[in-house]
Amino acid sequence: MDHAFGTELDDIRETLDRRPLEADTTTATMGDFAADTQGAVRLEEQGVVDGEPRIVIEHVTRIHASCAPD
């Protein structure tokens, strides 16, 4: 039993999606990044109850708006 959420988790799942930069990119705050290096990462932790993700924590980082706009 998780007292903070008032439910018991059946499972915990993790997803990870990485996308490369399609072109060399320069940012004002972080500097230069080469094409084909990691430009975006999305990770998600899912607390599963009855086979469905019910508690989800998601984090997305993108070096530039052109990388992984979806």
N, C-alpha and C. Protein backbone atom coordinates (compact mmCIF):
# COMPACT_ATOMS: atom_id res chain seq x y z
N MET A 1 0.85 -1.18 0.00
CA MET A 1 0.00 0.00 0.00
C MET A 1 0.89 1.24 0.00
N ASP A 2 0.62 2.14 -0.89
CA ASP A 2 1.31 3.43 -0.92
C ASP A 2 0.39 4.43 -0.22
N HIS A 3 0.78 4.85 0.95
CA HIS A 3 -0.09 5.72 1.75
C HIS A 3 -0.26 7.10 1.14
N ALA A 4 0.71 7.57 0.39
CA ALA A 4 0.60 8.90 -0.21
C ALA A 4 -0.48 8.95 -1.29
N PHE A 5 -0.62 7.87 -2.05
CA PHE A 5 -1.60 7.83 -3.13
C PHE A 5 -2.82 6.99 -2.80
N GLY A 6 -2.77 6.24 -1.72
CA GLY A 6 -3.91 5.44 -1.30
C GLY A 6 -4.20 4.24 -2.17
N THR A 7 -3.19 3.71 -2.86
CA THR A 7 -3.38 2.54 -3.71
C THR A 7 -2.12 1.69 -3.70
N GLU A 8 -2.28 0.44 -4.08
CA GLU A 8 -1.14 -0.47 -4.19
C GLU A 8 -0.79 -0.65 -5.66
N LEU A 9 0.47 -0.49 -5.99
CA LEU A 9 0.92 -0.65 -7.37
C LEU A 9 1.15 -2.11 -7.69
N ASP A 10 0.71 -2.52 -8.88
CA ASP A 10 0.96 -3.88 -9.36
C ASP A 10 2.34 -3.97 -10.00
N ASP A 11 2.81 -2.86 -10.57
CA ASP A 11 4.08 -2.87 -11.30
C ASP A 11 4.56 -1.43 -11.45
N ILE A 12 5.83 -1.28 -11.75
CA ILE A 12 6.41 0.02 -12.10
C ILE A 12 7.11 -0.17 -13.43
N ARG A 13 6.78 0.67 -14.40
CA ARG A 13 7.38 0.59 -15.74
C ARG A 13 8.14 1.88 -16.03
N GLU A 14 9.15 1.75 -16.88
CA GLU A 14 9.92 2.91 -17.32
C GLU A 14 10.00 2.91 -18.84
N THR A 15 9.80 4.07 -19.46
CA THR A 15 10.02 4.21 -20.89
C THR A 15 11.11 5.25 -21.11
N LEU A 16 11.84 5.10 -22.20
CA LEU A 16 12.91 6.03 -22.54
C LEU A 16 12.95 6.19 -24.05
N ASP A 17 12.93 7.44 -24.50
CA ASP A 17 13.00 7.74 -25.93
C ASP A 17 14.05 8.82 -26.13
N ARG A 18 15.02 8.56 -26.98
CA ARG A 18 16.07 9.53 -27.30
C ARG A 18 16.00 9.87 -28.78
N ARG A 19 16.25 11.14 -29.11
CA ARG A 19 16.24 11.57 -30.50
C ARG A 19 17.53 12.35 -30.80
N PRO A 20 18.11 12.12 -31.97
CA PRO A 20 19.33 12.86 -32.33
C PRO A 20 19.00 14.21 -32.95
N LEU A 21 19.95 15.12 -32.87
CA LEU A 21 19.84 16.39 -33.59
C LEU A 21 20.06 16.11 -35.07
N GLU A 22 19.28 16.73 -35.92
CA GLU A 22 19.42 16.53 -37.37
C GLU A 22 20.49 17.43 -37.96
N ALA A 23 20.84 18.51 -37.27
CA ALA A 23 21.84 19.46 -37.77
C ALA A 23 22.63 20.01 -36.59
N ASP A 24 23.82 20.54 -36.87
CA ASP A 24 24.58 21.24 -35.84
C ASP A 24 23.71 22.36 -35.28
N THR A 25 23.77 22.56 -33.96
CA THR A 25 22.91 23.54 -33.30
C THR A 25 23.72 24.32 -32.27
N THR A 26 23.45 25.61 -32.18
CA THR A 26 24.05 26.45 -31.16
C THR A 26 22.94 27.06 -30.32
N THR A 27 23.08 26.98 -29.00
CA THR A 27 22.11 27.59 -28.10
C THR A 27 22.80 28.71 -27.32
N ALA A 28 22.01 29.69 -26.92
CA ALA A 28 22.56 30.84 -26.20
C ALA A 28 23.10 30.47 -24.83
N THR A 29 22.48 29.50 -24.17
CA THR A 29 22.87 29.18 -22.80
C THR A 29 23.77 27.95 -22.66
N MET A 30 23.70 27.02 -23.62
CA MET A 30 24.46 25.77 -23.46
C MET A 30 25.55 25.58 -24.50
N GLY A 31 25.60 26.41 -25.52
CA GLY A 31 26.69 26.33 -26.49
C GLY A 31 26.37 25.52 -27.73
N ASP A 32 27.41 24.85 -28.26
CA ASP A 32 27.32 24.15 -29.54
C ASP A 32 27.07 22.65 -29.36
N PHE A 33 26.25 22.10 -30.26
CA PHE A 33 25.95 20.67 -30.28
C PHE A 33 26.06 20.17 -31.71
N ALA A 34 26.68 19.03 -31.90
CA ALA A 34 26.88 18.47 -33.23
C ALA A 34 25.67 17.64 -33.67
N ALA A 35 25.44 17.63 -34.98
CA ALA A 35 24.39 16.77 -35.56
C ALA A 35 24.65 15.32 -35.16
N ASP A 36 23.59 14.56 -35.03
CA ASP A 36 23.62 13.14 -34.67
C ASP A 36 23.98 12.86 -33.22
N THR A 37 24.13 13.91 -32.40
CA THR A 37 24.27 13.69 -30.97
C THR A 37 22.88 13.81 -30.34
N GLN A 38 22.76 13.44 -29.09
CA GLN A 38 21.44 13.45 -28.45
C GLN A 38 20.87 14.86 -28.39
N GLY A 39 19.72 15.05 -29.00
CA GLY A 39 19.08 16.35 -29.01
C GLY A 39 17.85 16.42 -28.13
N ALA A 40 17.28 15.26 -27.82
CA ALA A 40 16.08 15.23 -26.97
C ALA A 40 16.02 13.89 -26.25
N VAL A 41 15.46 13.93 -25.06
CA VAL A 41 15.24 12.71 -24.30
C VAL A 41 13.91 12.86 -23.56
N ARG A 42 13.14 11.78 -23.57
CA ARG A 42 11.87 11.73 -22.85
C ARG A 42 11.87 10.46 -22.02
N LEU A 43 11.66 10.60 -20.70
CA LEU A 43 11.56 9.42 -19.86
C LEU A 43 10.27 9.50 -19.07
N GLU A 44 9.76 8.34 -18.77
CA GLU A 44 8.48 8.26 -18.06
C GLU A 44 8.54 7.10 -17.07
N GLU A 45 8.09 7.36 -15.87
CA GLU A 45 7.91 6.32 -14.85
C GLU A 45 6.41 6.14 -14.67
N GLN A 46 5.95 4.89 -14.72
CA GLN A 46 4.53 4.60 -14.63
C GLN A 46 4.26 3.68 -13.44
N GLY A 47 3.35 4.08 -12.58
CA GLY A 47 2.83 3.21 -11.53
C GLY A 47 1.60 2.52 -12.09
N VAL A 48 1.64 1.18 -12.19
CA VAL A 48 0.58 0.41 -12.86
C VAL A 48 -0.38 -0.18 -11.83
N VAL A 49 -1.69 0.03 -12.07
CA VAL A 49 -2.74 -0.54 -11.24
C VAL A 49 -3.74 -1.20 -12.18
N ASP A 50 -4.05 -2.46 -11.95
CA ASP A 50 -4.99 -3.22 -12.78
C ASP A 50 -4.61 -3.17 -14.26
N GLY A 51 -3.30 -3.24 -14.55
CA GLY A 51 -2.81 -3.29 -15.93
C GLY A 51 -2.73 -1.95 -16.64
N GLU A 52 -3.13 -0.87 -15.99
CA GLU A 52 -3.13 0.46 -16.60
C GLU A 52 -2.20 1.41 -15.85
N PRO A 53 -1.46 2.26 -16.58
CA PRO A 53 -0.65 3.28 -15.89
C PRO A 53 -1.57 4.30 -15.21
N ARG A 54 -1.52 4.38 -13.89
CA ARG A 54 -2.41 5.27 -13.13
C ARG A 54 -1.66 6.45 -12.51
N ILE A 55 -0.37 6.26 -12.22
CA ILE A 55 0.46 7.33 -11.69
C ILE A 55 1.62 7.48 -12.66
N VAL A 56 1.78 8.65 -13.27
CA VAL A 56 2.79 8.85 -14.31
C VAL A 56 3.61 10.09 -14.01
N ILE A 57 4.93 9.92 -14.07
CA ILE A 57 5.86 11.03 -13.97
C ILE A 57 6.64 11.07 -15.28
N GLU A 58 6.61 12.22 -15.94
CA GLU A 58 7.24 12.36 -17.25
C GLU A 58 8.24 13.52 -17.21
N HIS A 59 9.37 13.32 -17.89
CA HIS A 59 10.36 14.39 -18.02
C HIS A 59 10.81 14.44 -19.48
N VAL A 60 10.83 15.65 -20.05
CA VAL A 60 11.26 15.87 -21.43
C VAL A 60 12.32 16.95 -21.44
N THR A 61 13.44 16.69 -22.12
CA THR A 61 14.48 17.69 -22.34
C THR A 61 14.76 17.75 -23.83
N ARG A 62 14.75 18.96 -24.39
CA ARG A 62 15.09 19.15 -25.80
C ARG A 62 16.14 20.25 -25.89
N ILE A 63 17.21 19.99 -26.64
CA ILE A 63 18.26 20.98 -26.82
C ILE A 63 17.76 22.15 -27.65
N HIS A 64 16.90 21.86 -28.63
CA HIS A 64 16.39 22.88 -29.53
C HIS A 64 14.96 22.51 -29.93
N ALA A 65 14.15 23.52 -30.21
CA ALA A 65 12.75 23.30 -30.56
C ALA A 65 12.57 22.46 -31.82
N SER A 66 13.57 22.43 -32.68
CA SER A 66 13.46 21.65 -33.93
C SER A 66 13.64 20.15 -33.70
N CYS A 67 14.15 19.76 -32.54
CA CYS A 67 14.39 18.35 -32.25
C CYS A 67 13.19 17.77 -31.50
N ALA A 68 12.58 16.76 -32.09
CA ALA A 68 11.43 16.05 -31.50
C ALA A 68 10.29 16.99 -31.15
N PRO A 69 9.79 17.76 -32.11
CA PRO A 69 8.68 18.67 -31.81
C PRO A 69 7.40 17.97 -31.39
N ASP A 70 7.33 16.67 -31.68
CA ASP A 70 6.15 15.90 -31.28
C ASP A 70 6.20 15.57 -29.80
